[in-house]
Amino acid sequence: MGTEQASAPPGGSAVTIGAYDGVHLGHREVIGHLRERAAALGLESVVVTFDRHPAAVVRPESVPPLLTDLDQKLELLASTGVDMTLVVPFDADRAEESPEDFVDEVLLGALGARVVVVGENFHFGHGRKGDVPMLAELGRSAGFEVVGLALASSSDGHPVSSTRIRGLLARGDVVGAARLLGREHQVRGKVVAGDGRGGAELGFPTANVDLPAGLALPEEGIYACRYERPDRSTHMAAVSLGRRPTFYDAGSPSLLEAYLLDFSGDLYGELAKVSFVARLRAERRFESADALVAQMGRDAAETRRLLAGQ
């Protein structure tokens, strides 16, 4: 729901605000606290998020790769049990908006906020001038309470953050990323035609998944993954993410190719959901197609070993 469609809940709301990229365990802890406060006060619980990452407008040269696209983020937010998610369009005008105007338009006008729950490092408004103390001051005047929560930490004592998860993915540590996400990292894209080499030449037909630009991807390499089709059936898959150095030079585009175990059928045009379970090895160049085929067989067997029974 966008702000232009929002009407304040009759009894008011408990609200949290943020980019919520990844909807990781730290986010879920904030939302859990929000839902508890909402239930205690008889309010609707609302997550306010944005239709794009604010950095895409404010500093496009350094916008981070996204852990989730908007559709996936909304699905994950819905799974937390929150009553409503309000998607605020973030454009150049919004980037220039003062903290006071944001409070008046969104928190008060659209949502009738009575409680606002945010992380202690929360910033908002033009130039990120708004922070938790300012929000609390505005709340005292407008009649809503502000709760600033300490950031959730993982077992190693470090904060759980989207930035940290991106760093783990960039190193190929999909297991570490999953611990902080509370789920396996997943990417989504349509299956498109490839060069036909996988099935015809190598005997391992693959689904070539066309991924949207701007997504956070693990380090290039070979992975054991779960592959979900639109009918919700899930298949074990050995996935190559990279540039296929046995056949192409280093300047070729990076591709995601999934070999589905125990599957035969047409996947073209379908939406694929690929969840990364474990890294098998780095991508490397083989001296012959036969050597590559032998390794692909070992990759498929290792994928089966890791995922069987899960």
C-alpha atoms as a PDB file:
ATOM      1  CA  MET A   1       0.000   0.000   0.000  1.00  0.00           C
ATOM      2  CA  GLY A   2       1.334   3.484  -0.892  1.00  0.00           C
ATOM      3  CA  THR A   3       0.869   6.624   1.174  1.00  0.00           C
ATOM      4  CA  GLU A   4      -1.700   7.987  -1.263  1.00  0.00           C
ATOM      5  CA  GLN A   5      -3.891   4.928  -0.567  1.00  0.00           C
ATOM      6  CA  ALA A   6      -3.387   4.810   3.197  1.00  0.00           C
ATOM      7  CA  SER A   7      -5.998   5.709   5.752  1.00  0.00           C
ATOM      8  CA  ALA A   8      -5.123   5.775   9.422  1.00  0.00           C
ATOM      9  CA  PRO A   9      -6.331   2.744  11.411  1.00  0.00           C
ATOM     10  CA  PRO A  10      -9.321   3.857  13.535  1.00  0.00           C
ATOM     11  CA  GLY A  11      -7.608   3.104  16.832  1.00  0.00           C
ATOM     12  CA  GLY A  12      -4.159   4.265  15.772  1.00  0.00           C
ATOM     13  CA  SER A  13      -1.079   2.216  15.034  1.00  0.00           C
ATOM     14  CA  ALA A  14       2.304   1.054  16.263  1.00  0.00           C
ATOM     15  CA  VAL A  15       4.860   1.745  13.532  1.00  0.00           C
ATOM     16  CA  THR A  16       8.402   0.866  12.569  1.00  0.00           C
ATOM     17  CA  ILE A  17      10.278   2.486   9.674  1.00  0.00           C
ATOM     18  CA  GLY A  18      13.201   1.349   7.576  1.00  0.00           C
ATOM     19  CA  ALA A  19      14.586   0.001   4.317  1.00  0.00           C
ATOM     20  CA  TYR A  20      14.231  -3.522   5.758  1.00  0.00           C
ATOM     21  CA  ASP A  21      16.463  -4.993   3.044  1.00  0.00           C
ATOM     22  CA  GLY A  22      16.711  -8.722   3.628  1.00  0.00           C
ATOM     23  CA  VAL A  23      14.209  -8.795   6.528  1.00  0.00           C
ATOM     24  CA  HIS A  24      16.996 -10.433   8.566  1.00  0.00           C
ATOM     25  CA  LEU A  25      16.987 -11.555  12.197  1.00  0.00           C
ATOM     26  CA  GLY A  26      17.721  -8.041  13.453  1.00  0.00           C
ATOM     27  CA  HIS A  27      14.732  -6.703  11.536  1.00  0.00           C
ATOM     28  CA  ARG A  28      12.564  -9.522  12.850  1.00  0.00           C
ATOM     29  CA  GLU A  29      13.554  -8.694  16.424  1.00  0.00           C
ATOM     30  CA  VAL A  30      12.393  -5.088  15.946  1.00  0.00           C
ATOM     31  CA  ILE A  31       9.131  -6.248  14.361  1.00  0.00           C
ATOM     32  CA  GLY A  32       8.585  -8.756  17.163  1.00  0.00           C
ATOM     33  CA  HIS A  33       8.905  -5.949  19.724  1.00  0.00           C
ATOM     34  CA  LEU A  34       6.574  -3.806  17.601  1.00  0.00           C
ATOM     35  CA  ARG A  35       3.911  -6.508  17.522  1.00  0.00           C
ATOM     36  CA  GLU A  36       4.137  -6.991  21.289  1.00  0.00           C
ATOM     37  CA  ARG A  37       3.635  -3.261  21.919  1.00  0.00           C
ATOM     38  CA  ALA A  38       0.793  -3.127  19.397  1.00  0.00           C
ATOM     39  CA  ALA A  39      -0.986  -6.085  20.999  1.00  0.00           C
ATOM     40  CA  ALA A  40      -0.595  -4.642  24.506  1.00  0.00           C
ATOM     41  CA  LEU A  41      -2.131  -1.333  23.425  1.00  0.00           C
ATOM     42  CA  GLY A  42      -4.753  -2.694  21.026  1.00  0.00           C
ATOM     43  CA  LEU A  43      -3.126  -1.058  17.997  1.00  0.00           C
ATOM     44  CA  GLU A  44      -2.459  -2.240  14.459  1.00  0.00           C
ATOM     45  CA  SER A  45       1.205  -3.027  13.764  1.00  0.00           C
ATOM     46  CA  VAL A  46       2.605  -1.341  10.656  1.00  0.00           C
ATOM     47  CA  VAL A  47       5.956  -1.512   8.857  1.00  0.00           C
ATOM     48  CA  VAL A  48       6.796   1.574   6.786  1.00  0.00           C
ATOM     49  CA  THR A  49       9.319   0.825   4.068  1.00  0.00           C
ATOM     50  CA  PHE A  50      10.265   2.273   0.680  1.00  0.00           C
ATOM     51  CA  ASP A  51       9.743   1.286  -2.953  1.00  0.00           C
ATOM     52  CA  ARG A  52      13.510   1.462  -3.516  1.00  0.00           C
ATOM     53  CA  HIS A  53      16.571   1.777  -1.333  1.00  0.00           C
ATOM     54  CA  PRO A  54      16.893   5.480  -0.364  1.00  0.00           C
ATOM     55  CA  ALA A  55      20.544   5.408  -1.453  1.00  0.00           C
ATOM     56  CA  ALA A  56      19.378   4.805  -5.036  1.00  0.00           C
ATOM     57  CA  VAL A  57      18.129   8.405  -4.992  1.00  0.00           C
ATOM     58  CA  VAL A  58      20.430  10.083  -2.471  1.00  0.00           C
ATOM     59  CA  ARG A  59      23.766   8.569  -3.549  1.00  0.00           C
ATOM     60  CA  PRO A  60      23.208   6.399  -6.649  1.00  0.00           C
ATOM     61  CA  GLU A  61      26.948   5.978  -7.209  1.00  0.00           C
ATOM     62  CA  SER A  62      27.183   3.911  -4.014  1.00  0.00           C
ATOM     63  CA  VAL A  63      23.786   2.210  -3.723  1.00  0.00           C
ATOM     64  CA  PRO A  64      24.310  -1.224  -2.131  1.00  0.00           C
ATOM     65  CA  PRO A  65      23.265  -4.435  -3.913  1.00  0.00           C
ATOM     66  CA  LEU A  66      19.893  -5.504  -2.551  1.00  0.00           C
ATOM     67  CA  LEU A  67      19.335  -8.670  -0.549  1.00  0.00           C
ATOM     68  CA  THR A  68      15.672  -8.691  -1.625  1.00  0.00           C
ATOM     69  CA  ASP A  69      13.670  -7.092  -4.389  1.00  0.00           C
ATOM     70  CA  LEU A  70      10.450  -5.314  -3.374  1.00  0.00           C
ATOM     71  CA  ASP A  71       8.132  -8.291  -3.976  1.00  0.00           C
ATOM     72  CA  GLN A  72      10.294 -10.629  -1.922  1.00  0.00           C
ATOM     73  CA  LYS A  73      10.672  -8.059   0.850  1.00  0.00           C
ATOM     74  CA  LEU A  74       6.897  -7.674   1.076  1.00  0.00           C
ATOM     75  CA  GLU A  75       6.453 -11.460   1.238  1.00  0.00           C
ATOM     76  CA  LEU A  76       8.996 -11.704   4.047  1.00  0.00           C
ATOM     77  CA  LEU A  77       7.442  -8.813   5.964  1.00  0.00           C
ATOM     78  CA  ALA A  78       4.024 -10.440   5.672  1.00  0.00           C
ATOM     79  CA  SER A  79       5.507 -13.652   7.105  1.00  0.00           C
ATOM     80  CA  THR A  80       6.421 -11.793  10.332  1.00  0.00           C
ATOM     81  CA  GLY A  81       2.738 -11.441  11.213  1.00  0.00           C
ATOM     82  CA  VAL A  82       2.713  -7.642  11.002  1.00  0.00           C
ATOM     83  CA  ASP A  83      -0.768  -6.272  10.296  1.00  0.00           C
ATOM     84  CA  MET A  84       0.188  -3.990   7.408  1.00  0.00           C
ATOM     85  CA  THR A  85       3.121  -2.801   5.331  1.00  0.00           C
ATOM     86  CA  LEU A  86       3.018   0.739   3.932  1.00  0.00           C
ATOM     87  CA  VAL A  87       5.290   1.243   0.905  1.00  0.00           C
ATOM     88  CA  VAL A  88       6.372   4.865   0.631  1.00  0.00           C
ATOM     89  CA  PRO A  89       7.613   6.030  -2.800  1.00  0.00           C
ATOM     90  CA  PHE A  90      11.138   7.379  -2.391  1.00  0.00           C
ATOM     91  CA  ASP A  91      11.991   9.981  -5.038  1.00  0.00           C
ATOM     92  CA  ALA A  92      13.879  13.276  -5.258  1.00  0.00           C
ATOM     93  CA  ASP A  93      11.064  15.143  -3.489  1.00  0.00           C
ATOM     94  CA  ARG A  94      11.008  12.628  -0.644  1.00  0.00           C
ATOM     95  CA  ALA A  95      14.784  12.926  -0.292  1.00  0.00           C
ATOM     96  CA  GLU A  96      14.355  16.685   0.295  1.00  0.00           C
ATOM     97  CA  GLU A  97      11.567  16.264   2.848  1.00  0.00           C
ATOM     98  CA  SER A  98      12.210  17.503   6.375  1.00  0.00           C
ATOM     99  CA  PRO A  99      11.888  15.119   9.333  1.00  0.00           C
ATOM    100  CA  GLU A 100       8.926  17.180  10.574  1.00  0.00           C
ATOM    101  CA  ASP A 101       7.065  16.843   7.263  1.00  0.00           C
ATOM    102  CA  PHE A 102       7.686  13.090   7.165  1.00  0.00           C
ATOM    103  CA  VAL A 103       6.217  12.753  10.641  1.00  0.00           C
ATOM    104  CA  ASP A 104       3.188  14.893   9.750  1.00  0.00           C
ATOM    105  CA  GLU A 105       2.440  13.160   6.437  1.00  0.00           C
ATOM    106  CA  VAL A 106       3.303   9.527   7.090  1.00  0.00           C
ATOM    107  CA  LEU A 107       3.298   8.823  10.822  1.00  0.00           C
ATOM    108  CA  LEU A 108       0.417  11.083  11.793  1.00  0.00           C
ATOM    109  CA  GLY A 109      -1.591  11.685   8.627  1.00  0.00           C
ATOM    110  CA  ALA A 110      -1.418   8.228   7.049  1.00  0.00           C
ATOM    111  CA  LEU A 111      -1.102   6.038  10.137  1.00  0.00           C
ATOM    112  CA  GLY A 112      -2.217   7.845  13.288  1.00  0.00           C
ATOM    113  CA  ALA A 113       0.910   6.578  15.027  1.00  0.00           C
ATOM    114  CA  ARG A 114       0.812   6.214  18.801  1.00  0.00           C
ATOM    115  CA  VAL A 115       4.026   4.187  19.169  1.00  0.00           C
ATOM    116  CA  VAL A 116       7.085   4.230  16.894  1.00  0.00           C
ATOM    117  CA  VAL A 117       9.697   1.478  17.293  1.00  0.00           C
ATOM    118  CA  VAL A 118      13.060   1.881  15.527  1.00  0.00           C
ATOM    119  CA  GLY A 119      16.679   0.849  15.871  1.00  0.00           C
ATOM    120  CA  GLU A 120      18.895   3.155  17.901  1.00  0.00           C
ATOM    121  CA  ASN A 121      20.822   4.145  14.731  1.00  0.00           C
ATOM    122  CA  PHE A 122      17.677   5.200  12.838  1.00  0.00           C
ATOM    123  CA  HIS A 123      17.918   8.358  10.690  1.00  0.00           C
ATOM    124  CA  PHE A 124      15.314   9.989   8.469  1.00  0.00           C
ATOM    125  CA  GLY A 125      14.495  13.149   6.550  1.00  0.00           C
ATOM    126  CA  HIS A 126      16.623  15.382   4.328  1.00  0.00           C
ATOM    127  CA  GLY A 127      20.330  14.832   4.896  1.00  0.00           C
ATOM    128  CA  ARG A 128      19.490  12.177   7.509  1.00  0.00           C
ATOM    129  CA  LYS A 129      19.004  15.044   9.957  1.00  0.00           C
ATOM    130  CA  GLY A 130      16.316  13.199  11.860  1.00  0.00           C
ATOM    131  CA  ASP A 131      17.422  10.710  14.519  1.00  0.00           C
ATOM    132  CA  VAL A 132      15.886   8.946  17.512  1.00  0.00           C
ATOM    133  CA  PRO A 133      16.161  11.902  19.942  1.00  0.00           C
ATOM    134  CA  MET A 134      14.554  14.228  17.354  1.00  0.00           C
ATOM    135  CA  LEU A 135      11.819  11.686  16.670  1.00  0.00           C
ATOM    136  CA  ALA A 136      11.164  11.385  20.406  1.00  0.00           C
ATOM    137  CA  GLU A 137      10.908  15.167  20.706  1.00  0.00           C
ATOM    138  CA  LEU A 138       8.453  15.315  17.803  1.00  0.00           C
ATOM    139  CA  GLY A 139       6.533  12.473  19.393  1.00  0.00           C
ATOM    140  CA  ARG A 140       6.149  14.318  22.676  1.00  0.00           C
ATOM    141  CA  SER A 141       4.516  17.201  20.815  1.00  0.00           C
ATOM    142  CA  ALA A 142       2.365  15.006  18.573  1.00  0.00           C
ATOM    143  CA  GLY A 143       1.327  12.425  21.133  1.00  0.00           C
ATOM    144  CA  PHE A 144       3.248   9.295  20.172  1.00  0.00           C
ATOM    145  CA  GLU A 145       5.856   7.318  22.108  1.00  0.00           C
ATOM    146  CA  VAL A 146       9.240   6.473  20.571  1.00  0.00           C
ATOM    147  CA  VAL A 147      11.180   3.308  21.392  1.00  0.00           C
ATOM    148  CA  GLY A 148      14.794   3.116  20.221  1.00  0.00           C
ATOM    149  CA  LEU A 149      16.084  -0.461  20.346  1.00  0.00           C
ATOM    150  CA  ALA A 150      19.709  -1.580  20.537  1.00  0.00           C
ATOM    151  CA  LEU A 151      20.795  -3.436  17.404  1.00  0.00           C
ATOM    152  CA  ALA A 152      20.460  -7.205  17.581  1.00  0.00           C
ATOM    153  CA  SER A 153      23.761  -9.109  17.763  1.00  0.00           C
ATOM    154  CA  SER A 154      24.706 -12.562  16.526  1.00  0.00           C
ATOM    155  CA  SER A 155      26.433 -15.187  18.657  1.00  0.00           C
ATOM    156  CA  ASP A 156      29.845 -13.624  17.938  1.00  0.00           C
ATOM    157  CA  GLY A 157      28.723 -10.331  19.475  1.00  0.00           C
ATOM    158  CA  HIS A 158      28.667  -8.382  16.213  1.00  0.00           C
ATOM    159  CA  PRO A 159      25.510  -6.545  15.097  1.00  0.00           C
ATOM    160  CA  VAL A 160      23.205  -8.209  12.596  1.00  0.00           C
ATOM    161  CA  SER A 161      23.010  -5.870   9.607  1.00  0.00           C
ATOM    162  CA  SER A 162      22.270  -5.923   5.892  1.00  0.00           C
ATOM    163  CA  THR A 163      25.773  -4.563   5.248  1.00  0.00           C
ATOM    164  CA  ARG A 164      27.375  -7.434   7.135  1.00  0.00           C
ATOM    165  CA  ILE A 165      25.263  -9.989   5.243  1.00  0.00           C
ATOM    166  CA  ARG A 166      26.317  -8.484   1.910  1.00  0.00           C
ATOM    167  CA  GLY A 167      29.934  -8.855   2.997  1.00  0.00           C
ATOM    168  CA  LEU A 168      29.446 -12.532   3.841  1.00  0.00           C
ATOM    169  CA  LEU A 169      27.822 -13.172   0.468  1.00  0.00           C
ATOM    170  CA  ALA A 170      30.648 -11.375  -1.334  1.00  0.00           C
ATOM    171  CA  ARG A 171      33.051 -13.878   0.267  1.00  0.00           C
ATOM    172  CA  GLY A 172      30.875 -16.831  -0.717  1.00  0.00           C
ATOM    173  CA  ASP A 173      29.872 -17.543   2.892  1.00  0.00           C
ATOM    174  CA  VAL A 174      26.236 -18.390   2.193  1.00  0.00           C
ATOM    175  CA  VAL A 175      26.025 -20.428   5.413  1.00  0.00           C
ATOM    176  CA  GLY A 176      27.082 -17.421   7.504  1.00  0.00           C
ATOM    177  CA  ALA A 177      24.662 -15.186   5.598  1.00  0.00           C
ATOM    178  CA  ALA A 178      21.827 -17.645   6.231  1.00  0.00           C
ATOM    179  CA  ARG A 179      22.511 -17.561   9.983  1.00  0.00           C
ATOM    180  CA  LEU A 180      21.955 -13.803  10.042  1.00  0.00           C
ATOM    181  CA  LEU A 181      19.043 -13.838   7.604  1.00  0.00           C
ATOM    182  CA  GLY A 182      17.239 -16.638   9.418  1.00  0.00           C
ATOM    183  CA  ARG A 183      16.820 -18.313   6.021  1.00  0.00           C
ATOM    184  CA  GLU A 184      18.842 -19.177   2.935  1.00  0.00           C
ATOM    185  CA  HIS A 185      19.708 -16.247   0.675  1.00  0.00           C
ATOM    186  CA  GLN A 186      17.427 -16.396  -2.356  1.00  0.00           C
ATOM    187  CA  VAL A 187      17.513 -14.762  -5.770  1.00  0.00           C
ATOM    188  CA  ARG A 188      14.731 -14.760  -8.353  1.00  0.00           C
ATOM    189  CA  GLY A 189      14.642 -14.427 -12.119  1.00  0.00           C
ATOM    190  CA  LYS A 190      13.150 -15.781 -15.330  1.00  0.00           C
ATOM    191  CA  VAL A 191      14.569 -18.819 -17.097  1.00  0.00           C
ATOM    192  CA  VAL A 192      15.855 -17.786 -20.526  1.00  0.00           C
ATOM    193  CA  ALA A 193      17.504 -19.568 -23.436  1.00  0.00           C
ATOM    194  CA  GLY A 194      21.236 -20.160 -23.084  1.00  0.00           C
ATOM    195  CA  ASP A 195      23.825 -21.335 -25.584  1.00  0.00           C
ATOM    196  CA  GLY A 196      22.555 -24.932 -25.420  1.00  0.00           C
ATOM    197  CA  ARG A 197      25.966 -26.240 -24.441  1.00  0.00           C
ATOM    198  CA  GLY A 198      24.956 -27.735 -21.086  1.00  0.00           C
ATOM    199  CA  GLY A 199      22.571 -30.391 -22.360  1.00  0.00           C
ATOM    200  CA  ALA A 200      23.682 -31.021 -25.924  1.00  0.00           C
ATOM    201  CA  GLU A 201      27.442 -31.007 -25.378  1.00  0.00           C
ATOM    202  CA  LEU A 202      27.981 -31.789 -21.710  1.00  0.00           C
ATOM    203  CA  GLY A 203      24.961 -33.898 -20.772  1.00  0.00           C
ATOM    204  CA  PHE A 204      23.977 -31.553 -17.927  1.00  0.00           C
ATOM    205  CA  PRO A 205      21.023 -29.434 -19.135  1.00  0.00           C
ATOM    206  CA  THR A 206      20.843 -26.218 -17.164  1.00  0.00           C
ATOM    207  CA  ALA A 207      18.267 -23.509 -16.502  1.00  0.00           C
ATOM    208  CA  ASN A 208      19.776 -20.117 -17.294  1.00  0.00           C
ATOM    209  CA  VAL A 209      18.255 -17.675 -14.805  1.00  0.00           C
ATOM    210  CA  ASP A 210      18.168 -14.029 -15.877  1.00  0.00           C
ATOM    211  CA  LEU A 211      18.615 -12.022 -12.682  1.00  0.00           C
ATOM    212  CA  PRO A 212      17.569  -8.376 -12.273  1.00  0.00           C
ATOM    213  CA  ALA A 213      20.387  -5.865 -11.958  1.00  0.00           C
ATOM    214  CA  GLY A 214      21.278  -4.625  -8.503  1.00  0.00           C
ATOM    215  CA  LEU A 215      20.825  -7.843  -6.513  1.00  0.00           C
ATOM    216  CA  ALA A 216      23.361  -9.009  -3.940  1.00  0.00           C
ATOM    217  CA  LEU A 217      24.935 -12.223  -5.252  1.00  0.00           C
ATOM    218  CA  PRO A 218      27.347 -14.635  -3.618  1.00  0.00           C
ATOM    219  CA  GLU A 219      30.943 -14.732  -4.807  1.00  0.00           C
ATOM    220  CA  GLU A 220      31.235 -16.464  -8.169  1.00  0.00           C
ATOM    221  CA  GLY A 221      31.561 -20.214  -7.831  1.00  0.00           C
ATOM    222  CA  ILE A 222      29.637 -23.484  -7.690  1.00  0.00           C
ATOM    223  CA  TYR A 223      26.878 -23.913  -5.088  1.00  0.00           C
ATOM    224  CA  ALA A 224      24.427 -26.467  -3.761  1.00  0.00           C
ATOM    225  CA  CYS A 225      21.024 -24.816  -4.012  1.00  0.00           C
ATOM    226  CA  ARG A 226      17.303 -25.332  -3.760  1.00  0.00           C
ATOM    227  CA  TYR A 227      15.388 -24.429  -6.910  1.00  0.00           C
ATOM    228  CA  GLU A 228      11.691 -23.577  -6.548  1.00  0.00           C
ATOM    229  CA  ARG A 229       9.307 -23.565  -9.536  1.00  0.00           C
ATOM    230  CA  PRO A 230       6.069 -21.527  -9.802  1.00  0.00           C
ATOM    231  CA  ASP A 231       4.058 -24.632  -8.761  1.00  0.00           C
ATOM    232  CA  ARG A 232       6.064 -24.514  -5.488  1.00  0.00           C
ATOM    233  CA  SER A 233       7.811 -27.801  -6.211  1.00  0.00           C
ATOM    234  CA  THR A 234      11.413 -27.696  -4.956  1.00  0.00           C
ATOM    235  CA  HIS A 235      14.378 -29.446  -6.545  1.00  0.00           C
ATOM    236  CA  MET A 236      17.988 -29.980  -5.557  1.00  0.00           C
ATOM    237  CA  ALA A 237      20.228 -28.038  -7.938  1.00  0.00           C
ATOM    238  CA  ALA A 238      23.945 -27.685  -8.574  1.00  0.00           C
ATOM    239  CA  VAL A 239      24.371 -24.040  -9.552  1.00  0.00           C
ATOM    240  CA  SER A 240      27.185 -22.310 -11.412  1.00  0.00           C
ATOM    241  CA  LEU A 241      27.409 -18.583 -10.796  1.00  0.00           C
ATOM    242  CA  GLY A 242      30.112 -17.065 -12.951  1.00  0.00           C
ATOM    243  CA  ARG A 243      31.700 -16.670 -16.378  1.00  0.00           C
ATOM    244  CA  ARG A 244      32.279 -20.305 -17.526  1.00  0.00           C
ATOM    245  CA  PRO A 245      36.050 -19.931 -17.981  1.00  0.00           C
ATOM    246  CA  THR A 246      36.423 -23.305 -19.739  1.00  0.00           C
ATOM    247  CA  PHE A 247      34.586 -21.876 -22.751  1.00  0.00           C
ATOM    248  CA  TYR A 248      34.642 -18.085 -22.418  1.00  0.00           C
ATOM    249  CA  ASP A 249      37.134 -15.382 -21.524  1.00  0.00           C
ATOM    250  CA  ALA A 250      37.172 -13.332 -18.334  1.00  0.00           C
ATOM    251  CA  GLY A 251      35.240 -10.500 -19.981  1.00  0.00           C
ATOM    252  CA  SER A 252      32.110 -12.569 -20.546  1.00  0.00           C
ATOM    253  CA  PRO A 253      28.999 -11.712 -18.504  1.00  0.00           C
ATOM    254  CA  SER A 254      28.352 -13.509 -15.232  1.00  0.00           C
ATOM    255  CA  LEU A 255      25.518 -16.060 -15.477  1.00  0.00           C
ATOM    256  CA  LEU A 256      23.511 -18.221 -13.092  1.00  0.00           C
ATOM    257  CA  GLU A 257      23.020 -21.736 -14.478  1.00  0.00           C
ATOM    258  CA  ALA A 258      21.140 -24.355 -12.470  1.00  0.00           C
ATOM    259  CA  TYR A 259      21.315 -28.104 -13.090  1.00  0.00           C
ATOM    260  CA  LEU A 260      18.237 -29.637 -11.465  1.00  0.00           C
ATOM    261  CA  LEU A 261      18.816 -33.126 -10.116  1.00  0.00           C
ATOM    262  CA  ASP A 262      16.262 -35.804 -11.024  1.00  0.00           C
ATOM    263  CA  PHE A 263      14.333 -33.447 -13.282  1.00  0.00           C
ATOM    264  CA  SER A 264      13.355 -33.492 -16.926  1.00  0.00           C
ATOM    265  CA  GLY A 265      11.127 -30.852 -18.468  1.00  0.00           C
ATOM    266  CA  ASP A 266      10.771 -27.385 -19.965  1.00  0.00           C
ATOM    267  CA  LEU A 267      11.531 -24.489 -17.637  1.00  0.00           C
ATOM    268  CA  TYR A 268      11.725 -21.649 -20.186  1.00  0.00           C
ATOM    269  CA  GLY A 269       9.852 -18.510 -19.217  1.00  0.00           C
ATOM    270  CA  GLU A 270       9.216 -19.642 -15.654  1.00  0.00           C
ATOM    271  CA  LEU A 271      10.140 -17.638 -12.591  1.00  0.00           C
ATOM    272  CA  ALA A 272      12.894 -19.442 -10.708  1.00  0.00           C
ATOM    273  CA  LYS A 273      13.612 -18.991  -7.008  1.00  0.00           C
ATOM    274  CA  VAL A 274      17.159 -20.113  -6.239  1.00  0.00           C
ATOM    275  CA  SER A 275      18.206 -20.481  -2.576  1.00  0.00           C
ATOM    276  CA  PHE A 276      21.904 -20.884  -1.773  1.00  0.00           C
ATOM    277  CA  VAL A 277      22.623 -23.669   0.743  1.00  0.00           C
ATOM    278  CA  ALA A 278      26.393 -24.255   0.529  1.00  0.00           C
ATOM    279  CA  ARG A 279      29.412 -23.285  -1.542  1.00  0.00           C
ATOM    280  CA  LEU A 280      30.983 -26.302  -3.248  1.00  0.00           C
ATOM    281  CA  ARG A 281      34.056 -24.787  -4.887  1.00  0.00           C
ATOM    282  CA  ALA A 282      35.481 -21.850  -6.776  1.00  0.00           C
ATOM    283  CA  GLU A 283      34.938 -21.535 -10.500  1.00  0.00           C
ATOM    284  CA  ARG A 284      37.955 -22.652 -12.553  1.00  0.00           C
ATOM    285  CA  ARG A 285      39.025 -23.425 -16.090  1.00  0.00           C
ATOM    286  CA  PHE A 286      39.285 -27.079 -17.141  1.00  0.00           C
ATOM    287  CA  GLU A 287      41.644 -28.379 -19.807  1.00  0.00           C
ATOM    288  CA  SER A 288      38.900 -30.291 -21.603  1.00  0.00           C
ATOM    289  CA  ALA A 289      35.131 -30.711 -21.766  1.00  0.00           C
ATOM    290  CA  ASP A 290      35.550 -34.262 -20.420  1.00  0.00           C
ATOM    291  CA  ALA A 291      37.356 -32.966 -17.324  1.00  0.00           C
ATOM    292  CA  LEU A 292      34.570 -30.428 -16.782  1.00  0.00           C
ATOM    293  CA  VAL A 293      31.883 -33.107 -17.182  1.00  0.00           C
ATOM    294  CA  ALA A 294      33.613 -35.283 -14.583  1.00  0.00           C
ATOM    295  CA  GLN A 295      33.713 -32.381 -12.124  1.00  0.00           C
ATOM    296  CA  MET A 296      30.078 -31.509 -12.810  1.00  0.00           C
ATOM    297  CA  GLY A 297      29.179 -35.079 -11.900  1.00  0.00           C
ATOM    298  CA  ARG A 298      31.043 -34.706  -8.608  1.00  0.00           C
ATOM    299  CA  ASP A 299      29.304 -31.355  -7.966  1.00  0.00           C
ATOM    300  CA  ALA A 300      25.894 -32.959  -8.524  1.00  0.00           C
ATOM    301  CA  ALA A 301      26.762 -35.842  -6.202  1.00  0.00           C
ATOM    302  CA  GLU A 302      27.945 -33.446  -3.479  1.00  0.00           C
ATOM    303  CA  THR A 303      24.766 -31.390  -3.885  1.00  0.00           C
ATOM    304  CA  ARG A 304      22.699 -34.548  -3.404  1.00  0.00           C
ATOM    305  CA  ARG A 305      24.715 -35.507  -0.319  1.00  0.00           C
ATOM    306  CA  LEU A 306      24.263 -32.087   1.275  1.00  0.00           C
ATOM    307  CA  LEU A 307      20.588 -31.629   0.504  1.00  0.00           C
ATOM    308  CA  ALA A 308      19.170 -35.158   0.692  1.00  0.00           C
ATOM    309  CA  GLY A 309      16.878 -35.483   3.665  1.00  0.00           C
ATOM    310  CA  GLN A 310      16.711 -31.724   4.340  1.00  0.00           C
END
